[in-house]
Amino acid sequence: MFIDRHQELTVLERMFHSEIAEFFVLYGRRRVGKTELLSQFCKDKRSIYFLASQLKEPDHLRQFTETTRHVINDPLLQSLVFDDWESAFIYLAQQAQEERLVLVLDEFQYLCEDNAALPSLIQRFWDLHGKNSKLFLILCGSQVSFMEREVLAERSPLYGRRTGQLQLMPLSYRDSGYFFSGYSLKEKLITYGILGGIPAYLNQFALRSTNDSQRTLEQHIKDELLTPQGYLFDEVNFLLRTELREPRTYASLLHAIAGGATRLNEISQRVGLDATNVNKYLSVLRELRLVKRETPVTDRAPQKSKKGLYKIADNYVKFWFRFVLPNRSLIESGNADLVYKEIIAPNLPHYMGEIFENICRQYISLYWTEKLKVAPKQVGAHWARSIEIDVLTENIDESHSFGECKWWNAPVGENVLNHLVEKTKKVPDRWNRNPRYLLFSASGFTDALKQRVKEEKVFLIETNDLF
């Protein structure tokens, strides 16, 4: 199932039709959909798609030669194997003199493991041959730190050669919901809260649903996350080992944050490391988009703010460290039902509360045209000693939106609006001009509140609106 990525495909198509040499870098975390995006892009084009693995260079070259034979009908190729990458690239540049040829090197970091000089070799090839052809070279990798350091960074030999780049991000909550036509809207939000917007994870649940239409969300969680043989039971460890040299230390940090330690000193105490070292490790996790540092949107200097809170940015990683890792012994001894009923189900509403706030901020950022009609310049939250506001935006028309998000089983009533209006009066003055009020509810609103907002500047957003 291929969902969304319209903008990314449009960019690639525009570059394909440019009639000049193109050098594109695509990267992103495991399972985010890079390979599927490139497969969709290449399927109707003259293209060589090569997926590297952890092999020696001679094996890669033999496989690459075989892949090339299936695309280019040249008798010369039937009797030779490329001896090195430079001769292979020069040959393909020659084949792309008159007609566009797409060359994708996927999991590029594996090619460099056995030949650290490959980026320098590609730089020389591109300067002497590639840029004078109609070759469309795409380097793709799932080791984010490697791609940023060895391909994109200023110190890289390839710096300045690329004509485009993209870090592929997870899908939005709304696009994630398209995988599950049989789910209620609330179930779609819960699934996003557990898996995030990672297409491979979503597709795994969707495939199970296709094969068994009676399978519930609860059963999916048990089969995929609470069973040692499940697809997602050990995925976090694979992810950390792919990116990090000291996965145990980073796992301890993520576990601490998932357990409620959000400030630097709290995390430091929880893991038993000094704050300087913890800050260094957290910087790496932030670069990988696994952790984020949030500050009140009202802060004038966020980088220096003492109110910064560290949170896990990836929903699946958050859920795994919150519910799977602490209960691993129970899970491995076959107690999936117990873990779900006694630990996950009672705590899921609280877990979803923060997820729901992030979903509501996504809605404002991505889908504001549908109901709110005014573009936000900044979207965030506000907290101080006495108040916490789930959503606070500065809008392009100089108004400000104040939002409250309730993941309740009961409809939201007038008391929530009254409380929000009172909290609005306590924010810094410059954020209190032209207030608009937004109420988000997972279970609708009372009739009294609906009647009242007809006369006031209040927007009510339900699950139907979110989708």
Protein backbone atom coordinates (compact mmCIF):
# COMPACT_ATOMS: atom_id res chain seq x y z
CA MET A 1 0.00 0.00 0.00
CA PHE A 2 1.48 3.35 -1.08
CA ILE A 3 0.02 6.40 0.63
CA ASP A 4 0.69 10.12 0.20
CA ARG A 5 4.25 11.32 -0.69
CA HIS A 6 2.69 13.44 -3.47
CA GLN A 7 4.97 16.38 -2.77
CA GLU A 8 8.11 14.23 -2.75
CA LEU A 9 7.17 12.51 -6.01
CA THR A 10 6.41 15.88 -7.61
CA VAL A 11 9.91 17.14 -6.75
CA LEU A 12 11.55 14.01 -8.17
CA GLU A 13 9.46 14.18 -11.34
CA ARG A 14 10.35 17.83 -11.88
CA MET A 15 14.05 17.02 -11.57
CA PHE A 16 13.67 14.03 -13.89
CA HIS A 17 12.35 16.29 -16.66
CA SER A 18 14.99 18.99 -16.19
CA GLU A 19 17.20 17.74 -19.08
CA ILE A 20 20.36 18.33 -17.04
CA ALA A 21 22.39 16.10 -14.76
CA GLU A 22 20.80 15.73 -11.32
CA PHE A 23 22.33 14.51 -8.07
CA PHE A 24 19.76 13.90 -5.33
CA VAL A 25 20.30 12.73 -1.74
CA LEU A 26 17.43 10.97 0.04
CA TYR A 27 17.74 9.80 3.61
CA GLY A 28 15.63 8.99 6.64
CA ARG A 29 15.26 6.48 9.44
CA ARG A 30 14.57 2.78 8.93
CA ARG A 31 11.10 1.84 7.67
CA VAL A 32 10.05 5.40 6.82
CA GLY A 33 9.35 4.50 3.17
CA LYS A 34 12.41 5.62 1.20
CA THR A 35 12.69 2.43 -0.86
CA GLU A 36 8.98 2.41 -1.67
CA LEU A 37 9.10 6.08 -2.69
CA LEU A 38 12.00 5.41 -5.06
CA SER A 39 10.31 2.30 -6.43
CA GLN A 40 7.20 4.33 -7.23
CA PHE A 41 9.32 7.00 -8.88
CA CYS A 42 11.38 4.56 -10.96
CA LYS A 43 8.67 2.14 -12.05
CA ASP A 44 7.95 3.77 -15.44
CA LYS A 45 11.46 5.08 -16.15
CA ARG A 46 14.76 3.90 -17.58
CA SER A 47 16.37 3.26 -14.24
CA ILE A 48 18.90 1.13 -12.39
CA TYR A 49 17.88 0.53 -8.81
CA PHE A 50 20.60 -1.08 -6.69
CA LEU A 51 20.03 -2.04 -3.06
CA ALA A 52 23.33 -2.52 -1.24
CA SER A 53 23.83 -4.90 1.67
CA GLN A 54 26.67 -5.74 4.03
CA LEU A 55 28.87 -7.47 1.44
CA LYS A 56 32.42 -7.05 0.17
CA GLU A 57 32.95 -4.69 -2.77
CA PRO A 58 33.59 -7.44 -5.38
CA ASP A 59 30.23 -9.01 -4.51
CA HIS A 60 28.51 -5.65 -4.79
CA LEU A 61 30.11 -5.02 -8.18
CA ARG A 62 29.01 -8.41 -9.50
CA GLN A 63 25.46 -7.79 -8.34
CA PHE A 64 25.52 -4.26 -9.75
CA THR A 65 26.71 -5.54 -13.14
CA GLU A 66 23.89 -8.09 -13.20
CA THR A 67 21.32 -5.43 -12.31
CA THR A 68 22.65 -3.16 -15.06
CA ARG A 69 22.36 -5.96 -17.66
CA HIS A 70 18.61 -6.11 -17.08
CA VAL A 71 18.25 -2.42 -17.95
CA ILE A 72 20.83 -1.72 -20.65
CA ASN A 73 20.86 -3.97 -23.70
CA ASP A 74 24.56 -3.97 -24.51
CA PRO A 75 26.33 -7.18 -25.64
CA LEU A 76 29.51 -5.86 -24.00
CA LEU A 77 27.88 -6.18 -20.58
CA GLN A 78 27.21 -9.88 -21.08
CA SER A 79 30.92 -10.68 -21.05
CA LEU A 80 32.28 -8.40 -18.33
CA VAL A 81 31.94 -7.51 -14.68
CA PHE A 82 32.75 -4.00 -13.53
CA ASP A 83 36.14 -4.04 -11.77
CA ASP A 84 35.54 -0.89 -9.77
CA TRP A 85 32.88 1.72 -9.16
CA GLU A 86 34.57 4.43 -11.20
CA SER A 87 34.47 2.41 -14.42
CA ALA A 88 30.83 1.47 -13.69
CA PHE A 89 29.81 5.10 -13.21
CA ILE A 90 31.70 6.29 -16.29
CA TYR A 91 30.01 3.60 -18.36
CA LEU A 92 26.55 4.71 -17.14
CA ALA A 93 27.34 8.37 -17.81
CA GLN A 94 28.12 7.37 -21.40
CA GLN A 95 24.78 5.58 -21.60
CA ALA A 96 23.09 8.76 -20.39
CA GLN A 97 24.50 11.16 -22.97
CA GLU A 98 21.34 11.36 -25.05
CA GLU A 99 18.63 9.85 -22.85
CA ARG A 100 17.85 10.26 -19.16
CA LEU A 101 19.03 7.38 -16.96
CA VAL A 102 18.14 7.15 -13.25
CA LEU A 103 20.74 5.48 -11.03
CA VAL A 104 19.68 4.74 -7.45
CA LEU A 105 22.23 3.54 -4.91
CA ASP A 106 20.09 2.54 -1.93
CA GLU A 107 21.60 1.91 1.52
CA PHE A 108 24.64 3.84 0.35
CA GLN A 109 26.33 3.52 3.73
CA TYR A 110 26.87 -0.22 3.10
CA LEU A 111 28.81 0.51 -0.10
CA CYS A 112 31.10 2.78 1.90
CA GLU A 113 31.80 0.23 4.62
CA ASP A 114 34.20 -1.65 2.35
CA ASN A 115 35.37 1.41 0.43
CA ALA A 116 35.64 4.54 2.59
CA ALA A 117 36.93 6.47 -0.42
CA LEU A 118 33.71 6.02 -2.39
CA PRO A 119 32.38 9.56 -1.71
CA SER A 120 35.68 10.99 -3.06
CA LEU A 121 35.47 8.70 -6.07
CA ILE A 122 31.90 9.84 -6.82
CA GLN A 123 32.99 13.46 -6.43
CA ARG A 124 35.72 13.02 -9.04
CA PHE A 125 33.38 11.12 -11.37
CA TRP A 126 30.67 13.76 -11.07
CA ASP A 127 33.03 16.66 -11.75
CA LEU A 128 34.63 14.99 -14.79
CA HIS A 129 31.77 12.97 -16.30
CA GLY A 130 28.47 12.90 -14.44
CA LYS A 131 27.50 16.57 -14.57
CA ASN A 132 28.01 16.58 -18.37
CA SER A 133 25.49 13.78 -18.95
CA LYS A 134 21.75 13.25 -18.43
CA LEU A 135 22.34 10.97 -15.47
CA PHE A 136 20.00 11.29 -12.50
CA LEU A 137 22.06 9.96 -9.56
CA ILE A 138 20.22 9.28 -6.29
CA LEU A 139 22.11 8.33 -3.14
CA CYS A 140 19.81 6.93 -0.48
CA GLY A 141 20.54 5.82 3.08
CA SER A 142 18.78 4.88 6.31
CA GLN A 143 21.70 5.66 8.61
CA VAL A 144 20.83 9.30 9.18
CA SER A 145 24.02 10.28 10.97
CA PHE A 146 26.19 8.79 8.20
CA MET A 147 24.28 10.51 5.40
CA GLU A 148 24.42 13.89 7.11
CA ARG A 149 28.11 13.55 8.00
CA GLU A 150 29.60 11.80 4.94
CA VAL A 151 27.33 12.99 2.15
CA LEU A 152 25.74 16.32 3.11
CA ALA A 153 28.16 17.97 5.53
CA GLU A 154 30.61 20.66 4.45
CA ARG A 155 33.56 18.38 5.22
CA SER A 156 32.25 15.72 2.81
CA PRO A 157 33.90 15.39 -0.64
CA LEU A 158 30.38 15.47 -2.08
CA TYR A 159 29.55 18.82 -0.56
CA GLY A 160 28.24 21.24 -3.17
CA ARG A 161 27.60 18.57 -5.82
CA ARG A 162 24.03 17.65 -4.99
CA THR A 163 21.22 19.42 -6.81
CA GLY A 164 18.62 18.44 -4.23
CA GLN A 165 18.16 16.60 -0.96
CA LEU A 166 15.37 15.41 1.29
CA GLN A 167 15.09 13.83 4.69
CA LEU A 168 11.96 11.72 4.40
CA MET A 169 9.81 12.16 7.48
CA PRO A 170 7.03 9.97 8.92
CA LEU A 171 3.48 10.38 7.65
CA SER A 172 1.03 12.72 9.34
CA TYR A 173 -1.66 11.29 11.62
CA ARG A 174 -4.25 11.79 8.86
CA ASP A 175 -2.27 10.01 6.15
CA SER A 176 -1.50 7.22 8.63
CA GLY A 177 -5.23 6.70 9.05
CA TYR A 178 -5.66 5.79 5.37
CA PHE A 179 -4.11 2.40 6.11
CA PHE A 180 -7.13 1.37 8.21
CA SER A 181 -10.44 1.68 6.43
CA GLY A 182 -12.15 -0.57 8.98
CA TYR A 183 -11.08 1.37 12.07
CA SER A 184 -13.10 4.03 13.84
CA LEU A 185 -11.57 7.50 13.84
CA LYS A 186 -10.58 7.14 17.47
CA GLU A 187 -8.90 3.79 16.74
CA LYS A 188 -6.96 5.44 13.93
CA LEU A 189 -5.67 8.05 16.38
CA ILE A 190 -4.69 5.38 18.91
CA THR A 191 -2.88 3.40 16.21
CA TYR A 192 -0.97 6.53 15.23
CA GLY A 193 -0.20 7.10 18.91
CA ILE A 194 1.37 3.64 19.08
CA LEU A 195 3.11 3.39 15.69
CA GLY A 196 3.65 6.98 14.66
CA GLY A 197 3.72 7.70 10.94
CA ILE A 198 6.15 4.93 9.94
CA PRO A 199 4.66 3.28 6.82
CA ALA A 200 6.24 -0.15 7.38
CA TYR A 201 4.72 -0.43 10.85
CA LEU A 202 1.33 0.82 9.70
CA ASN A 203 1.38 -1.53 6.73
CA GLN A 204 2.11 -4.50 9.00
CA PHE A 205 -1.04 -3.80 11.01
CA ALA A 206 -2.99 -3.16 7.79
CA LEU A 207 -1.90 -6.46 6.22
CA ARG A 208 -3.04 -8.36 9.31
CA SER A 209 -6.40 -6.58 9.11
CA THR A 210 -6.76 -7.50 5.44
CA ASN A 211 -6.12 -11.16 6.15
CA ASP A 212 -8.40 -11.16 9.20
CA SER A 213 -11.11 -8.51 9.19
CA GLN A 214 -12.18 -9.50 12.74
CA ARG A 215 -8.78 -8.74 14.23
CA THR A 216 -9.07 -5.93 16.77
CA LEU A 217 -6.56 -3.20 17.58
CA GLU A 218 -5.98 -4.92 20.92
CA GLN A 219 -5.06 -8.15 19.12
CA HIS A 220 -2.68 -6.27 16.83
CA ILE A 221 -0.87 -4.83 19.84
CA LYS A 222 -0.58 -8.25 21.45
CA ASP A 223 0.61 -10.01 18.28
CA GLU A 224 3.08 -7.43 17.02
CA LEU A 225 4.40 -5.79 20.21
CA LEU A 226 3.67 -8.15 23.11
CA THR A 227 4.90 -11.38 21.53
CA PRO A 228 8.64 -12.16 21.27
CA GLN A 229 8.13 -13.27 17.65
CA GLY A 230 6.17 -10.11 16.80
CA TYR A 231 7.35 -7.81 14.03
CA LEU A 232 7.68 -4.81 16.37
CA PHE A 233 8.79 -6.52 19.56
CA ASP A 234 12.52 -5.85 19.05
CA GLU A 235 12.45 -3.19 16.34
CA VAL A 236 13.71 -0.42 18.64
CA ASN A 237 16.92 -2.36 19.33
CA PHE A 238 17.49 -2.80 15.58
CA LEU A 239 16.96 0.91 15.09
CA LEU A 240 19.40 1.94 17.83
CA ARG A 241 22.08 -0.52 16.73
CA THR A 242 21.84 0.81 13.17
CA GLU A 243 22.55 4.39 14.22
CA LEU A 244 24.53 4.34 17.46
CA ARG A 245 27.81 3.01 18.82
CA GLU A 246 26.60 2.85 22.42
CA PRO A 247 22.96 1.78 22.10
CA ARG A 248 22.64 0.79 25.78
CA THR A 249 23.39 4.31 27.02
CA TYR A 250 20.95 5.85 24.58
CA ALA A 251 18.34 3.23 25.50
CA SER A 252 18.71 4.23 29.17
CA LEU A 253 18.13 7.87 28.27
CA LEU A 254 15.04 7.05 26.21
CA HIS A 255 13.72 4.84 29.00
CA ALA A 256 14.16 7.67 31.50
CA ILE A 257 12.32 10.16 29.28
CA ALA A 258 9.50 7.69 28.58
CA GLY A 259 9.20 7.20 32.33
CA GLY A 260 8.55 10.89 32.94
CA ALA A 261 12.01 12.45 33.33
CA THR A 262 11.79 15.45 31.00
CA ARG A 263 14.29 17.96 32.40
CA LEU A 264 18.06 17.62 31.98
CA ASN A 265 18.78 17.21 35.69
CA GLU A 266 15.99 14.63 36.09
CA ILE A 267 17.33 12.56 33.20
CA SER A 268 20.88 12.86 34.55
CA GLN A 269 19.84 11.57 37.97
CA ARG A 270 17.77 8.75 36.48
CA VAL A 271 20.58 7.33 34.33
CA GLY A 272 23.48 8.13 36.68
CA LEU A 273 25.48 10.34 34.30
CA ASP A 274 26.58 13.93 34.72
CA ALA A 275 24.56 16.58 32.92
CA THR A 276 27.34 17.42 30.45
CA ASN A 277 27.49 13.85 29.13
CA VAL A 278 23.72 13.53 29.11
CA ASN A 279 23.45 16.71 27.07
CA LYS A 280 25.91 15.29 24.52
CA TYR A 281 23.91 12.07 24.15
CA LEU A 282 20.64 13.97 23.93
CA SER A 283 22.07 16.09 21.11
CA VAL A 284 22.67 12.93 19.10
CA LEU A 285 19.14 11.68 19.76
CA ARG A 286 17.76 15.04 18.67
CA GLU A 287 19.75 14.89 15.43
CA LEU A 288 18.20 11.48 14.78
CA ARG A 289 14.72 12.95 15.43
CA LEU A 290 14.14 10.42 18.22
CA VAL A 291 14.08 13.10 20.92
CA LYS A 292 12.89 16.70 20.80
CA ARG A 293 13.40 19.62 23.16
CA GLU A 294 10.28 21.69 23.62
CA THR A 295 10.14 25.18 25.07
CA PRO A 296 7.13 27.47 25.60
CA VAL A 297 6.28 29.12 22.29
CA THR A 298 6.24 32.42 24.20
CA ASP A 299 9.97 32.24 25.04
CA ARG A 300 11.98 34.90 23.21
CA ALA A 301 15.23 32.84 23.31
CA PRO A 302 14.27 29.12 23.10
CA GLN A 303 17.89 27.91 22.88
CA LYS A 304 18.70 29.49 26.23
CA SER A 305 15.38 28.76 27.92
CA LYS A 306 15.51 27.04 31.31
CA LYS A 307 11.98 25.72 30.72
CA GLY A 308 13.05 23.26 28.02
CA LEU A 309 11.55 19.77 28.29
CA TYR A 310 12.93 16.67 26.55
CA LYS A 311 10.36 14.35 25.01
CA ILE A 312 10.50 11.32 22.76
CA ALA A 313 9.60 12.49 19.27
CA ASP A 314 8.77 9.09 17.76
CA ASN A 315 5.47 7.55 18.91
CA TYR A 316 6.53 3.94 18.42
CA VAL A 317 9.79 4.47 20.35
CA LYS A 318 7.80 6.23 23.10
CA PHE A 319 5.26 3.40 23.36
CA TRP A 320 7.99 0.72 23.33
CA PHE A 321 9.98 2.29 26.14
CA ARG A 322 6.83 3.10 28.10
CA PHE A 323 5.10 -0.31 27.89
CA VAL A 324 7.21 -2.99 26.17
CA LEU A 325 10.71 -2.69 27.67
CA PRO A 326 9.64 -2.46 31.35
CA ASN A 327 7.47 -5.57 30.93
CA ARG A 328 9.80 -7.62 28.75
CA SER A 329 10.11 -10.48 31.25
CA LEU A 330 6.33 -10.87 31.44
CA ILE A 331 6.04 -10.71 27.66
CA GLU A 332 8.75 -13.29 27.04
CA SER A 333 7.08 -15.66 29.50
CA GLY A 334 3.86 -15.55 27.46
CA ASN A 335 1.79 -13.03 29.43
CA ALA A 336 0.65 -10.74 26.60
CA ASP A 337 -2.97 -10.70 27.84
CA LEU A 338 -1.89 -9.73 31.35
CA VAL A 339 0.40 -6.94 30.14
CA TYR A 340 -2.32 -5.49 27.92
CA LYS A 341 -5.23 -5.70 30.37
CA GLU A 342 -3.42 -4.78 33.58
CA ILE A 343 -0.75 -2.33 32.34
CA ILE A 344 -1.48 -0.93 28.88
CA ALA A 345 -5.28 -0.58 28.80
CA PRO A 346 -5.60 1.32 32.13
CA ASN A 347 -2.78 3.72 31.20
CA LEU A 348 -3.58 4.19 27.52
CA PRO A 349 -5.90 7.20 28.04
CA HIS A 350 -3.16 9.08 29.93
CA TYR A 351 -0.58 8.07 27.31
CA MET A 352 -2.87 9.29 24.51
CA GLY A 353 -3.42 12.65 26.21
CA GLU A 354 -0.02 14.02 25.18
CA ILE A 355 -0.21 12.30 21.78
CA PHE A 356 -3.57 13.97 21.18
CA GLU A 357 -2.08 17.40 21.91
CA ASN A 358 0.59 16.77 19.25
CA ILE A 359 -2.09 15.63 16.80
CA CYS A 360 -4.04 18.83 17.41
CA ARG A 361 -0.96 20.95 16.76
CA GLN A 362 -0.40 18.95 13.55
CA TYR A 363 -3.96 19.73 12.51
CA ILE A 364 -3.39 23.44 12.96
CA SER A 365 -0.07 23.36 11.07
CA LEU A 366 -1.20 21.18 8.14
CA TYR A 367 -4.96 21.52 7.78
CA TRP A 368 -5.77 25.02 9.06
CA THR A 369 -7.44 25.97 5.76
CA GLU A 370 -10.33 23.58 6.37
CA LYS A 371 -11.89 25.24 9.40
CA LEU A 372 -9.63 27.80 11.08
CA LYS A 373 -9.05 29.85 7.90
CA VAL A 374 -6.04 31.74 9.23
CA ALA A 375 -2.43 30.65 8.69
CA PRO A 376 -0.29 30.13 11.81
CA LYS A 377 3.22 31.61 11.90
CA GLN A 378 4.16 29.69 15.05
CA VAL A 379 2.48 26.68 16.64
CA GLY A 380 3.39 25.43 20.10
CA ALA A 381 2.30 25.29 23.72
CA HIS A 382 2.79 27.45 26.79
CA TRP A 383 3.57 26.52 30.35
CA ALA A 384 4.58 28.41 33.45
CA ARG A 385 4.30 27.80 37.19
CA SER A 386 0.57 28.35 37.39
CA ILE A 387 -0.80 27.52 33.93
CA GLU A 388 -0.44 25.17 31.00
CA ILE A 389 -1.98 25.82 27.59
CA ASP A 390 -2.00 22.86 25.20
CA VAL A 391 -1.99 24.92 22.01
CA LEU A 392 -0.85 28.49 21.48
CA THR A 393 -0.30 29.96 18.03
CA GLU A 394 0.73 33.28 16.58
CA ASN A 395 -1.20 33.79 13.37
CA ILE A 396 -0.40 35.67 10.21
CA ASP A 397 -3.22 38.17 10.84
CA GLU A 398 -1.67 39.05 14.23
CA SER A 399 -4.34 37.12 16.14
CA HIS A 400 -3.46 34.40 18.63
CA SER A 401 -5.16 31.01 19.02
CA PHE A 402 -5.49 29.34 22.41
CA GLY A 403 -6.40 25.67 22.43
CA GLU A 404 -7.39 22.98 24.91
CA CYS A 405 -7.17 19.30 23.92
CA LYS A 406 -9.23 16.66 25.73
CA TRP A 407 -8.81 12.93 25.16
CA TRP A 408 -11.93 12.18 27.19
CA ASN A 409 -14.62 9.53 26.90
CA ALA A 410 -17.25 12.18 27.67
CA PRO A 411 -18.19 15.33 25.70
CA VAL A 412 -16.39 18.55 26.53
CA GLY A 413 -18.53 21.22 28.18
CA GLU A 414 -18.58 24.94 28.92
CA ASN A 415 -16.36 24.58 31.98
CA VAL A 416 -13.37 23.74 29.75
CA LEU A 417 -13.93 26.88 27.67
CA ASN A 418 -14.30 29.02 30.80
CA HIS A 419 -11.05 27.65 32.22
CA LEU A 420 -9.22 28.27 28.93
CA VAL A 421 -10.41 31.89 28.79
CA GLU A 422 -9.12 32.44 32.33
CA LYS A 423 -5.71 30.94 31.50
CA THR A 424 -5.46 33.20 28.45
CA LYS A 425 -5.27 36.24 30.70
CA LYS A 426 -2.03 34.97 32.29
CA VAL A 427 0.18 34.72 29.18
CA PRO A 428 2.65 37.50 28.24
CA ASP A 429 0.86 40.61 26.98
CA ARG A 430 2.11 40.46 23.40
CA TRP A 431 0.58 36.96 23.06
CA ASN A 432 -2.83 38.07 24.30
CA ARG A 433 -3.93 40.20 21.36
CA ASN A 434 -7.01 39.24 19.34
CA PRO A 435 -7.55 35.86 21.04
CA ARG A 436 -9.30 32.99 19.27
CA TYR A 437 -10.28 29.87 21.19
CA LEU A 438 -9.97 26.29 19.94
CA LEU A 439 -11.38 23.27 21.72
CA PHE A 440 -10.36 19.79 20.56
CA SER A 441 -12.29 16.77 21.78
CA ALA A 442 -12.02 13.07 21.04
CA SER A 443 -15.63 12.54 22.20
CA GLY A 444 -17.52 15.59 20.97
CA PHE A 445 -19.08 18.53 22.82
CA THR A 446 -22.15 19.19 24.95
CA ASP A 447 -25.20 20.83 23.40
CA ALA A 448 -24.84 23.78 25.76
CA LEU A 449 -21.31 24.47 24.55
CA LYS A 450 -22.33 24.14 20.89
CA GLN A 451 -25.10 26.67 21.44
CA ARG A 452 -22.82 29.11 23.23
CA VAL A 453 -20.03 29.17 20.64
CA LYS A 454 -22.42 30.37 17.96
CA GLU A 455 -22.17 33.77 19.61
CA GLU A 456 -18.45 33.73 20.44
CA LYS A 457 -15.11 33.42 18.62
CA VAL A 458 -14.68 29.74 19.46
CA PHE A 459 -13.87 26.82 17.16
CA LEU A 460 -14.87 23.27 18.09
CA ILE A 461 -12.81 20.51 16.48
CA GLU A 462 -13.92 16.88 16.73
CA THR A 463 -12.41 13.68 15.35
CA ASN A 464 -14.43 14.12 12.16
CA ASP A 465 -12.73 17.48 11.64
CA LEU A 466 -9.29 15.99 12.33
CA PHE A 467 -9.80 13.58 9.44
